[in-house]
Structures are given as structure tokens and as C-alpha cells.
C-alpha atoms as a PDB file:
ATOM      1  CA  MET A   1      -7.173   9.357  20.795  1.00  0.00           C
ATOM      2  CA  ASN A   2      -9.605   9.735  17.900  1.00  0.00           C
ATOM      3  CA  GLU A   3      -8.509  12.171  15.319  1.00  0.00           C
ATOM      4  CA  VAL A   4     -10.783  13.842  12.699  1.00  0.00           C
ATOM      5  CA  VAL A   5      -9.436  13.230   9.231  1.00  0.00           C
ATOM      6  CA  LYS A   6     -10.303  15.978   6.826  1.00  0.00           C
ATOM      7  CA  TYR A   7     -10.049  15.280   3.087  1.00  0.00           C
ATOM      8  CA  HIS A   8     -10.947  16.946  -0.218  1.00  0.00           C
ATOM      9  CA  ASN A   9     -14.492  16.425  -1.553  1.00  0.00           C
ATOM     10  CA  ASP A  10     -12.978  14.533  -4.558  1.00  0.00           C
ATOM     11  CA  MET A  11     -12.347  11.643  -2.123  1.00  0.00           C
ATOM     12  CA  ASN A  12     -16.085  11.132  -2.010  1.00  0.00           C
ATOM     13  CA  SER A  13     -16.033   9.996  -5.690  1.00  0.00           C
ATOM     14  CA  VAL A  14     -13.656   7.102  -4.842  1.00  0.00           C
ATOM     15  CA  ALA A  15     -15.428   3.806  -4.530  1.00  0.00           C
ATOM     16  CA  PHE A  16     -14.129   1.868  -1.512  1.00  0.00           C
ATOM     17  CA  ARG A  17     -16.046  -1.257  -2.434  1.00  0.00           C
ATOM     18  CA  GLY A  18     -14.893  -4.286  -0.594  1.00  0.00           C
ATOM     19  CA  PHE A  19     -13.177  -2.308   2.137  1.00  0.00           C
ATOM     20  CA  GLY A  20     -14.103  -3.272   5.667  1.00  0.00           C
ATOM     21  CA  LYS A  21     -14.124  -0.969   8.716  1.00  0.00           C
ATOM     22  CA  VAL A  22     -10.561  -1.803   9.747  1.00  0.00           C
ATOM     23  CA  GLU A  23      -9.299  -1.384   6.207  1.00  0.00           C
ATOM     24  CA  LEU A  24     -10.818   2.015   5.923  1.00  0.00           C
ATOM     25  CA  ASP A  25      -9.446   2.961   9.303  1.00  0.00           C
ATOM     26  CA  LEU A  26      -5.947   1.924   8.071  1.00  0.00           C
ATOM     27  CA  PHE A  27      -6.354   3.853   4.845  1.00  0.00           C
ATOM     28  CA  PHE A  28      -7.523   7.095   6.386  1.00  0.00           C
ATOM     29  CA  ALA A  29      -4.925   6.918   9.216  1.00  0.00           C
ATOM     30  CA  ILE A  30      -2.203   6.691   6.601  1.00  0.00           C
ATOM     31  CA  CYS A  31      -3.777   9.444   4.564  1.00  0.00           C
ATOM     32  CA  SER A  32      -3.930  11.677   7.637  1.00  0.00           C
ATOM     33  CA  LYS A  33      -0.184  11.309   8.355  1.00  0.00           C
ATOM     34  CA  MET A  34       0.801  11.621   4.736  1.00  0.00           C
ATOM     35  CA  ARG A  35      -1.172  14.830   4.432  1.00  0.00           C
ATOM     36  CA  ASP A  36       0.786  16.271   7.348  1.00  0.00           C
ATOM     37  CA  GLU A  37       4.080  15.455   5.706  1.00  0.00           C
ATOM     38  CA  GLY A  38       3.245  17.073   2.329  1.00  0.00           C
ATOM     39  CA  LYS A  39       5.547  15.792  -0.433  1.00  0.00           C
ATOM     40  CA  ASN A  40       7.967  14.174   1.905  1.00  0.00           C
ATOM     41  CA  GLU A  41       8.347  10.407   1.878  1.00  0.00           C
ATOM     42  CA  VAL A  42       6.589   8.804   4.799  1.00  0.00           C
ATOM     43  CA  GLU A  43       7.745   5.729   6.622  1.00  0.00           C
ATOM     44  CA  PHE A  44       5.848   3.865   9.316  1.00  0.00           C
ATOM     45  CA  THR A  45       6.875   1.314  11.772  1.00  0.00           C
ATOM     46  CA  PHE A  46       4.614  -1.618  12.450  1.00  0.00           C
ATOM     47  CA  HIS A  47       3.748  -0.274  15.803  1.00  0.00           C
ATOM     48  CA  GLN A  48       3.009   3.273  14.554  1.00  0.00           C
ATOM     49  CA  ILE A  49       0.532   2.040  11.956  1.00  0.00           C
ATOM     50  CA  ARG A  50      -1.126  -0.318  14.458  1.00  0.00           C
ATOM     51  CA  SER A  51      -1.467   2.570  16.877  1.00  0.00           C
ATOM     52  CA  LEU A  52      -2.732   4.973  14.250  1.00  0.00           C
ATOM     53  CA  SER A  53      -5.438   2.592  13.115  1.00  0.00           C
ATOM     54  CA  GLN A  54      -6.415   1.764  16.674  1.00  0.00           C
ATOM     55  CA  PHE A  55      -6.451  -1.926  15.859  1.00  0.00           C
ATOM     56  CA  LYS A  56      -7.936  -3.599  18.959  1.00  0.00           C
ATOM     57  CA  LYS A  57      -7.347  -7.310  18.348  1.00  0.00           C
ATOM     58  CA  THR A  58      -4.273  -8.566  20.180  1.00  0.00           C
ATOM     59  CA  SER A  59      -3.119 -11.006  17.533  1.00  0.00           C
ATOM     60  CA  LYS A  60      -0.164  -9.702  15.457  1.00  0.00           C
ATOM     61  CA  GLU A  61      -1.158 -12.136  12.739  1.00  0.00           C
ATOM     62  CA  ALA A  62      -4.678 -10.745  12.504  1.00  0.00           C
ATOM     63  CA  PHE A  63      -3.240  -7.192  12.102  1.00  0.00           C
ATOM     64  CA  VAL A  64      -0.740  -8.321   9.484  1.00  0.00           C
ATOM     65  CA  ASN A  65      -3.573 -10.018   7.524  1.00  0.00           C
ATOM     66  CA  LYS A  66      -5.608  -6.760   7.642  1.00  0.00           C
ATOM     67  CA  LEU A  67      -2.517  -4.789   6.396  1.00  0.00           C
ATOM     68  CA  LYS A  68      -2.109  -7.248   3.533  1.00  0.00           C
ATOM     69  CA  SER A  69      -5.761  -7.176   2.528  1.00  0.00           C
ATOM     70  CA  THR A  70      -5.781  -3.349   2.645  1.00  0.00           C
ATOM     71  CA  TYR A  71      -2.648  -3.178   0.460  1.00  0.00           C
ATOM     72  CA  GLN A  72      -4.201  -5.582  -2.106  1.00  0.00           C
ATOM     73  CA  LYS A  73      -7.378  -3.522  -2.333  1.00  0.00           C
ATOM     74  CA  LEU A  74      -5.382  -0.349  -2.823  1.00  0.00           C
ATOM     75  CA  LEU A  75      -3.540  -1.790  -5.830  1.00  0.00           C
END
């Protein structure tokens, strides 16, 4: 299911240079769930984050590589 992710206008000022489509999908999927939790700590299983991002490729290795690249770009 596709979910609309709403965010504050300040997010438009963030430069997501170098982020690919899948990396942005991962980022906004995580943001969406974190927003719903407020100030609570959020923990995701591998399968939850894969499902949230709607990652289509079947290779676990390809998904792990995208997670790693997203993480590096967020630092």
C-alpha cells in the first residue's frame, strides 16, 4: 500500500543531493513511522523496513547495500 508522507515545509530546504529513488523511499518511510511515534524510540526489523520502503528487488544483499548507502548519506 502506498502511504502519503506529510512533512513540514522546512524539509524542502534540505538538500538530498546524491540520494537515489530507493534511498529517498527508505528515508521517508522511516520518517513517517518516526513521526507517528513522537518522541518514543523507534526500532525496525529488517523485514519491516524492507516492507515500508516497498523494495522490489529480491536480493537481500541488494537491499542491505541500499540501507548502508542511505545510512552513509544521512551521516
